[in-house]
C-alpha atoms as a PDB file:
ATOM      1  CA  UNK A   1     169.506  53.989  80.072  1.00  0.00           C
ATOM      2  CA  UNK A   2     170.380  50.638  81.637  1.00  0.00           C
ATOM      3  CA  UNK A   3     171.421  50.045  85.229  1.00  0.00           C
ATOM      4  CA  UNK A   4     175.125  49.920  84.367  1.00  0.00           C
ATOM      5  CA  UNK A   5     175.001  53.371  82.761  1.00  0.00           C
ATOM      6  CA  UNK A   6     173.085  54.757  85.757  1.00  0.00           C
ATOM      7  CA  UNK A   7     175.615  53.350  88.210  1.00  0.00           C
ATOM      8  CA  UNK A   8     178.477  54.724  86.114  1.00  0.00           C
ATOM      9  CA  UNK A   9     176.846  58.166  86.074  1.00  0.00           C
ATOM     10  CA  UNK A  10     176.357  58.139  89.857  1.00  0.00           C
ATOM     11  CA  UNK A  11     179.908  56.940  90.443  1.00  0.00           C
ATOM     12  CA  UNK A  12     181.304  59.808  88.395  1.00  0.00           C
ATOM     13  CA  UNK A  13     179.452  62.320  90.516  1.00  0.00           C
ATOM     14  CA  UNK A  14     180.749  60.913  93.780  1.00  0.00           C
ATOM     15  CA  UNK A  15     178.933  60.675  97.134  1.00  0.00           C
ATOM     16  CA  UNK A  16     177.084  63.967  96.631  1.00  0.00           C
ATOM     17  CA  UNK A  17     175.399  62.639  93.509  1.00  0.00           C
ATOM     18  CA  UNK A  18     174.292  59.517  95.366  1.00  0.00           C
ATOM     19  CA  UNK A  19     172.707  61.708  98.030  1.00  0.00           C
ATOM     20  CA  UNK A  20     170.961  63.807  95.385  1.00  0.00           C
ATOM     21  CA  UNK A  21     169.710  60.650  93.666  1.00  0.00           C
ATOM     22  CA  UNK A  22     168.188  59.521  96.958  1.00  0.00           C
ATOM     23  CA  UNK A  23     166.600  62.961  97.378  1.00  0.00           C
ATOM     24  CA  UNK A  24     165.120  62.722  93.890  1.00  0.00           C
ATOM     25  CA  UNK A  25     163.396  59.449  94.769  1.00  0.00           C
ATOM     26  CA  UNK A  26     162.167  60.932  98.045  1.00  0.00           C
ATOM     27  CA  UNK A  27     160.909  64.062  96.267  1.00  0.00           C
ATOM     28  CA  UNK A  28     158.932  62.046  93.740  1.00  0.00           C
ATOM     29  CA  UNK A  29     157.398  59.931  96.489  1.00  0.00           C
ATOM     30  CA  UNK A  30     156.508  63.024  98.545  1.00  0.00           C
ATOM     31  CA  UNK A  31     154.851  64.791  95.623  1.00  0.00           C
ATOM     32  CA  UNK A  32     152.762  61.758  94.684  1.00  0.00           C
ATOM     33  CA  UNK A  33     151.809  61.090  98.305  1.00  0.00           C
ATOM     34  CA  UNK A  34     150.871  64.723  98.949  1.00  0.00           C
ATOM     35  CA  UNK A  35     148.695  64.870  95.851  1.00  0.00           C
ATOM     36  CA  UNK A  36     146.886  61.707  96.969  1.00  0.00           C
ATOM     37  CA  UNK A  37     146.614  63.076 100.514  1.00  0.00           C
ATOM     38  CA  UNK A  38     144.977  66.319  99.343  1.00  0.00           C
ATOM     39  CA  UNK A  39     142.574  64.399  97.129  1.00  0.00           C
ATOM     40  CA  UNK A  40     141.656  62.191 100.091  1.00  0.00           C
ATOM     41  CA  UNK A  41     141.111  65.267 102.266  1.00  0.00           C
ATOM     42  CA  UNK A  42     138.796  66.823  99.687  1.00  0.00           C
ATOM     43  CA  UNK A  43     141.018  69.804  98.921  1.00  0.00           C
ATOM     44  CA  UNK A  44     139.172  70.357  95.631  1.00  0.00           C
ATOM     45  CA  UNK A  45     135.697  69.552  96.983  1.00  0.00           C
ATOM     46  CA  UNK A  46     133.898  72.776  97.861  1.00  0.00           C
ATOM     47  CA  UNK A  47     130.384  72.031  96.579  1.00  0.00           C
ATOM     48  CA  UNK A  48     128.922  70.026  99.500  1.00  0.00           C
ATOM     49  CA  UNK A  49     129.955  72.625 102.057  1.00  0.00           C
ATOM     50  CA  UNK A  50     128.601  75.436  99.898  1.00  0.00           C
ATOM     51  CA  UNK A  51     125.236  73.689  99.568  1.00  0.00           C
ATOM     52  CA  UNK A  52     125.149  73.014 103.311  1.00  0.00           C
ATOM     53  CA  UNK A  53     125.813  76.667 104.123  1.00  0.00           C
ATOM     54  CA  UNK A  54     123.102  77.690 101.657  1.00  0.00           C
ATOM     55  CA  UNK A  55     120.655  75.428 103.508  1.00  0.00           C
ATOM     56  CA  UNK A  56     121.815  76.891 106.816  1.00  0.00           C
ATOM     57  CA  UNK A  57     121.268  80.466 105.651  1.00  0.00           C
ATOM     58  CA  UNK A  58     117.843  79.446 104.296  1.00  0.00           C
ATOM     59  CA  UNK A  59     116.833  78.395 107.816  1.00  0.00           C
ATOM     60  CA  UNK A  60     117.216  74.630 107.361  1.00  0.00           C
ATOM     61  CA  UNK A  61     119.905  73.650 109.890  1.00  0.00           C
ATOM     62  CA  UNK A  62     118.884  69.981 109.971  1.00  0.00           C
ATOM     63  CA  UNK A  63     119.190  69.639 106.211  1.00  0.00           C
ATOM     64  CA  UNK A  64     122.488  71.529 106.264  1.00  0.00           C
ATOM     65  CA  UNK A  65     124.017  69.234 108.866  1.00  0.00           C
ATOM     66  CA  UNK A  66     122.640  66.144 107.130  1.00  0.00           C
ATOM     67  CA  UNK A  67     124.503  67.079 103.947  1.00  0.00           C
ATOM     68  CA  UNK A  68     127.828  66.908 105.798  1.00  0.00           C
ATOM     69  CA  UNK A  69     127.100  64.040 108.174  1.00  0.00           C
ATOM     70  CA  UNK A  70     128.980  61.432 106.120  1.00  0.00           C
ATOM     71  CA  UNK A  71     131.753  63.712 104.867  1.00  0.00           C
ATOM     72  CA  UNK A  72     135.192  64.136 106.394  1.00  0.00           C
ATOM     73  CA  UNK A  73     136.853  66.590 104.014  1.00  0.00           C
ATOM     74  CA  UNK A  74     138.680  69.656 105.267  1.00  0.00           C
ATOM     75  CA  UNK A  75     135.924  72.147 104.471  1.00  0.00           C
ATOM     76  CA  UNK A  76     133.145  69.784 105.510  1.00  0.00           C
ATOM     77  CA  UNK A  77     134.790  69.092 108.846  1.00  0.00           C
ATOM     78  CA  UNK A  78     135.076  72.757 109.778  1.00  0.00           C
ATOM     79  CA  UNK A  79     131.670  73.664 108.388  1.00  0.00           C
ATOM     80  CA  UNK A  80     129.977  70.855 110.266  1.00  0.00           C
ATOM     81  CA  UNK A  81     131.657  71.824 113.534  1.00  0.00           C
ATOM     82  CA  UNK A  82     130.696  75.477 113.064  1.00  0.00           C
ATOM     83  CA  UNK A  83     127.095  74.432 112.557  1.00  0.00           C
ATOM     84  CA  UNK A  84     127.117  72.154 115.586  1.00  0.00           C
ATOM     85  CA  UNK A  85     128.524  74.800 117.906  1.00  0.00           C
ATOM     86  CA  UNK A  86     126.330  77.537 116.458  1.00  0.00           C
ATOM     87  CA  UNK A  87     123.232  75.344 116.755  1.00  0.00           C
ATOM     88  CA  UNK A  88     123.997  74.651 120.423  1.00  0.00           C
ATOM     89  CA  UNK A  89     122.056  77.375 122.220  1.00  0.00           C
ATOM     90  CA  UNK A  90     123.919  76.683 125.467  1.00  0.00           C
ATOM     91  CA  UNK A  91     127.293  77.543 123.903  1.00  0.00           C
ATOM     92  CA  UNK A  92     128.218  81.255 123.780  1.00  0.00           C
ATOM     93  CA  UNK A  93     129.282  82.690 120.439  1.00  0.00           C
ATOM     94  CA  UNK A  94     132.823  83.250 121.669  1.00  0.00           C
ATOM     95  CA  UNK A  95     133.236  79.634 122.703  1.00  0.00           C
ATOM     96  CA  UNK A  96     131.638  78.448 119.451  1.00  0.00           C
ATOM     97  CA  UNK A  97     134.054  80.506 117.381  1.00  0.00           C
ATOM     98  CA  UNK A  98     137.056  79.297 119.369  1.00  0.00           C
ATOM     99  CA  UNK A  99     136.010  75.676 118.954  1.00  0.00           C
ATOM    100  CA  UNK A 100     135.542  76.179 115.213  1.00  0.00           C
ATOM    101  CA  UNK A 101     138.966  77.833 114.975  1.00  0.00           C
ATOM    102  CA  UNK A 102     140.515  74.901 116.836  1.00  0.00           C
ATOM    103  CA  UNK A 103     139.038  72.413 114.376  1.00  0.00           C
ATOM    104  CA  UNK A 104     140.129  74.619 111.474  1.00  0.00           C
ATOM    105  CA  UNK A 105     143.708  74.809 112.729  1.00  0.00           C
ATOM    106  CA  UNK A 106     143.879  71.039 113.100  1.00  0.00           C
ATOM    107  CA  UNK A 107     142.518  70.609 109.571  1.00  0.00           C
ATOM    108  CA  UNK A 108     145.105  73.020 108.170  1.00  0.00           C
ATOM    109  CA  UNK A 109     147.914  71.237 109.989  1.00  0.00           C
ATOM    110  CA  UNK A 110     146.762  68.015 108.373  1.00  0.00           C
ATOM    111  CA  UNK A 111     146.572  69.701 104.959  1.00  0.00           C
ATOM    112  CA  UNK A 112     150.106  71.101 105.271  1.00  0.00           C
ATOM    113  CA  UNK A 113     151.833  67.972 106.527  1.00  0.00           C
ATOM    114  CA  UNK A 114     154.756  66.949 104.360  1.00  0.00           C
ATOM    115  CA  UNK A 115     155.326  70.448 102.994  1.00  0.00           C
ATOM    116  CA  UNK A 116     158.228  71.161 105.343  1.00  0.00           C
ATOM    117  CA  UNK A 117     160.029  68.132 103.940  1.00  0.00           C
ATOM    118  CA  UNK A 118     159.571  69.418 100.379  1.00  0.00           C
ATOM    119  CA  UNK A 119     160.798  72.842 101.463  1.00  0.00           C
ATOM    120  CA  UNK A 120     163.892  71.284 103.034  1.00  0.00           C
ATOM    121  CA  UNK A 121     164.666  69.293  99.889  1.00  0.00           C
ATOM    122  CA  UNK A 122     164.243  72.381  97.688  1.00  0.00           C
ATOM    123  CA  UNK A 123     166.721  74.193  99.947  1.00  0.00           C
ATOM    124  CA  UNK A 124     169.420  71.591 100.497  1.00  0.00           C
ATOM    125  CA  UNK A 125     169.508  69.827  97.105  1.00  0.00           C
ATOM    126  CA  UNK A 126     171.322  72.723  95.340  1.00  0.00           C
ATOM    127  CA  UNK A 127     173.645  73.125  98.325  1.00  0.00           C
ATOM    128  CA  UNK A 128     174.593  69.454  98.245  1.00  0.00           C
ATOM    129  CA  UNK A 129     175.169  69.759  94.498  1.00  0.00           C
ATOM    130  CA  UNK A 130     177.349  72.818  95.006  1.00  0.00           C
ATOM    131  CA  UNK A 131     179.309  71.040  97.723  1.00  0.00           C
ATOM    132  CA  UNK A 132     179.909  68.121  95.392  1.00  0.00           C
ATOM    133  CA  UNK A 133     181.098  70.514  92.669  1.00  0.00           C
ATOM    134  CA  UNK A 134     183.488  72.324  95.017  1.00  0.00           C
ATOM    135  CA  UNK A 135     184.962  69.050  96.226  1.00  0.00           C
ATOM    136  CA  UNK A 136     185.289  67.849  92.637  1.00  0.00           C
ATOM    137  CA  UNK A 137     187.016  71.062  91.583  1.00  0.00           C
ATOM    138  CA  UNK A 138     189.437  70.784  94.490  1.00  0.00           C
ATOM    139  CA  UNK A 139     190.278  67.241  93.428  1.00  0.00           C
ATOM    140  CA  UNK A 140     190.724  68.307  89.789  1.00  0.00           C
ATOM    141  CA  UNK A 141     193.080  71.165  90.644  1.00  0.00           C
ATOM    142  CA  UNK A 142     195.035  68.968  93.019  1.00  0.00           C
ATOM    143  CA  UNK A 143     195.567  66.553  90.129  1.00  0.00           C
ATOM    144  CA  UNK A 144     196.591  69.489  87.920  1.00  0.00           C
ATOM    145  CA  UNK A 145     199.115  70.657  90.502  1.00  0.00           C
ATOM    146  CA  UNK A 146     200.560  67.167  90.859  1.00  0.00           C
ATOM    147  CA  UNK A 147     200.929  66.802  87.094  1.00  0.00           C
ATOM    148  CA  UNK A 148     202.880  70.055  86.781  1.00  0.00           C
ATOM    149  CA  UNK A 149     204.080  70.735  83.242  1.00  0.00           C
ATOM    150  CA  UNK A 150     202.760  67.357  82.142  1.00  0.00           C
ATOM    151  CA  UNK A 151     199.160  68.377  82.807  1.00  0.00           C
ATOM    152  CA  UNK A 152     196.645  67.238  80.216  1.00  0.00           C
ATOM    153  CA  UNK A 153     194.006  69.934  79.504  1.00  0.00           C
ATOM    154  CA  UNK A 154     191.578  67.260  78.329  1.00  0.00           C
ATOM    155  CA  UNK A 155     191.868  65.388  81.611  1.00  0.00           C
ATOM    156  CA  UNK A 156     191.337  68.645  83.535  1.00  0.00           C
ATOM    157  CA  UNK A 157     188.258  69.471  81.474  1.00  0.00           C
ATOM    158  CA  UNK A 158     186.915  65.986  82.122  1.00  0.00           C
ATOM    159  CA  UNK A 159     187.377  66.404  85.851  1.00  0.00           C
ATOM    160  CA  UNK A 160     185.635  69.776  85.823  1.00  0.00           C
ATOM    161  CA  UNK A 161     182.546  68.651  83.914  1.00  0.00           C
ATOM    162  CA  UNK A 162     182.218  65.622  86.147  1.00  0.00           C
ATOM    163  CA  UNK A 163     182.360  67.919  89.166  1.00  0.00           C
ATOM    164  CA  UNK A 164     179.638  70.116  87.663  1.00  0.00           C
ATOM    165  CA  UNK A 165     177.299  67.122  87.395  1.00  0.00           C
ATOM    166  CA  UNK A 166     176.322  67.454  91.035  1.00  0.00           C
ATOM    167  CA  UNK A 167     175.301  71.095  90.691  1.00  0.00           C
ATOM    168  CA  UNK A 168     173.089  70.292  87.705  1.00  0.00           C
ATOM    169  CA  UNK A 169     171.596  67.296  89.495  1.00  0.00           C
ATOM    170  CA  UNK A 170     170.909  69.327  92.637  1.00  0.00           C
ATOM    171  CA  UNK A 171     169.084  71.981  90.639  1.00  0.00           C
ATOM    172  CA  UNK A 172     167.151  69.306  88.746  1.00  0.00           C
ATOM    173  CA  UNK A 173     165.816  68.010  92.064  1.00  0.00           C
ATOM    174  CA  UNK A 174     165.245  71.409  93.695  1.00  0.00           C
ATOM    175  CA  UNK A 175     163.241  72.966  90.835  1.00  0.00           C
ATOM    176  CA  UNK A 176     160.362  70.438  90.758  1.00  0.00           C
ATOM    177  CA  UNK A 177     160.374  70.291  94.569  1.00  0.00           C
ATOM    178  CA  UNK A 178     159.993  74.086  94.768  1.00  0.00           C
ATOM    179  CA  UNK A 179     157.285  74.103  92.088  1.00  0.00           C
ATOM    180  CA  UNK A 180     155.317  71.360  93.840  1.00  0.00           C
ATOM    181  CA  UNK A 181     155.724  73.124  97.176  1.00  0.00           C
ATOM    182  CA  UNK A 182     154.372  76.386  95.753  1.00  0.00           C
ATOM    183  CA  UNK A 183     151.397  74.589  94.185  1.00  0.00           C
ATOM    184  CA  UNK A 184     150.531  72.679  97.342  1.00  0.00           C
ATOM    185  CA  UNK A 185     150.829  75.831  99.455  1.00  0.00           C
ATOM    186  CA  UNK A 186     148.477  77.682  97.106  1.00  0.00           C
ATOM    187  CA  UNK A 187     145.958  74.865  97.494  1.00  0.00           C
ATOM    188  CA  UNK A 188     146.235  75.015 101.283  1.00  0.00           C
ATOM    189  CA  UNK A 189     145.814  78.799 101.213  1.00  0.00           C
ATOM    190  CA  UNK A 190     142.662  78.406  99.115  1.00  0.00           C
ATOM    191  CA  UNK A 191     141.288  75.787 101.516  1.00  0.00           C
ATOM    192  CA  UNK A 192     142.020  78.093 104.472  1.00  0.00           C
ATOM    193  CA  UNK A 193     140.247  81.001 102.800  1.00  0.00           C
ATOM    194  CA  UNK A 194     137.250  78.813 101.988  1.00  0.00           C
ATOM    195  CA  UNK A 195     136.999  77.494 105.550  1.00  0.00           C
ATOM    196  CA  UNK A 196     137.128  81.010 106.978  1.00  0.00           C
ATOM    197  CA  UNK A 197     134.487  82.180 104.513  1.00  0.00           C
ATOM    198  CA  UNK A 198     132.152  79.260 105.210  1.00  0.00           C
ATOM    199  CA  UNK A 199     132.485  79.588 108.988  1.00  0.00           C
ATOM    200  CA  UNK A 200     131.947  83.355 108.868  1.00  0.00           C
ATOM    201  CA  UNK A 201     128.745  82.979 106.860  1.00  0.00           C
ATOM    202  CA  UNK A 202     127.472  80.492 109.420  1.00  0.00           C
ATOM    203  CA  UNK A 203     128.233  82.746 112.376  1.00  0.00           C
ATOM    204  CA  UNK A 204     126.735  85.891 110.881  1.00  0.00           C
ATOM    205  CA  UNK A 205     123.461  84.074 110.333  1.00  0.00           C
ATOM    206  CA  UNK A 206     121.156  84.518 113.343  1.00  0.00           C
ATOM    207  CA  UNK A 207     120.630  81.415 115.440  1.00  0.00           C
ATOM    208  CA  UNK A 208     117.784  79.369 114.076  1.00  0.00           C
ATOM    209  CA  UNK A 209     118.454  80.561 110.503  1.00  0.00           C
END
């Protein structure tokens, strides 16, 4: 499809279709960016933290902390902070847990950034498409009323299918946005569960291993 055909398609759909086209570009960019962001944050990297916790439970806190010293992933960040606070004999358990929870909440906020935008797109894209369809139908029936007995059924059908373009386009944008949102949220939920599990195993281990 060349640029002329694309512009003709967008022009037929009216302003609503232009808005949906912009949302489609934004959705694609958000999905690609969020995937890269989660990879950068180590959303699929559980092994180093697991090995560090195993060392911690085995009574090797220095080795455990050394494993995570150069890592800045979500799990590693929380695990390292839990070990640091737990290893600090001057810090009460309550304060250590609160500090670990604070770091965990900040990590989760970072993991979930951008998801509200995807949720908004998944919600409003079909509504914008429906609005475009309603406006198109109003225009088509106004033309039918003006034509009176000279109304051309073919012209009316053409106006209706053009109006329906925006609804189809809105759904085409909303469906992948909703699917990506659900996938990213499941990843964040898994990361949250892992962080809670790792921190709990650190805190139930007696000080000193």
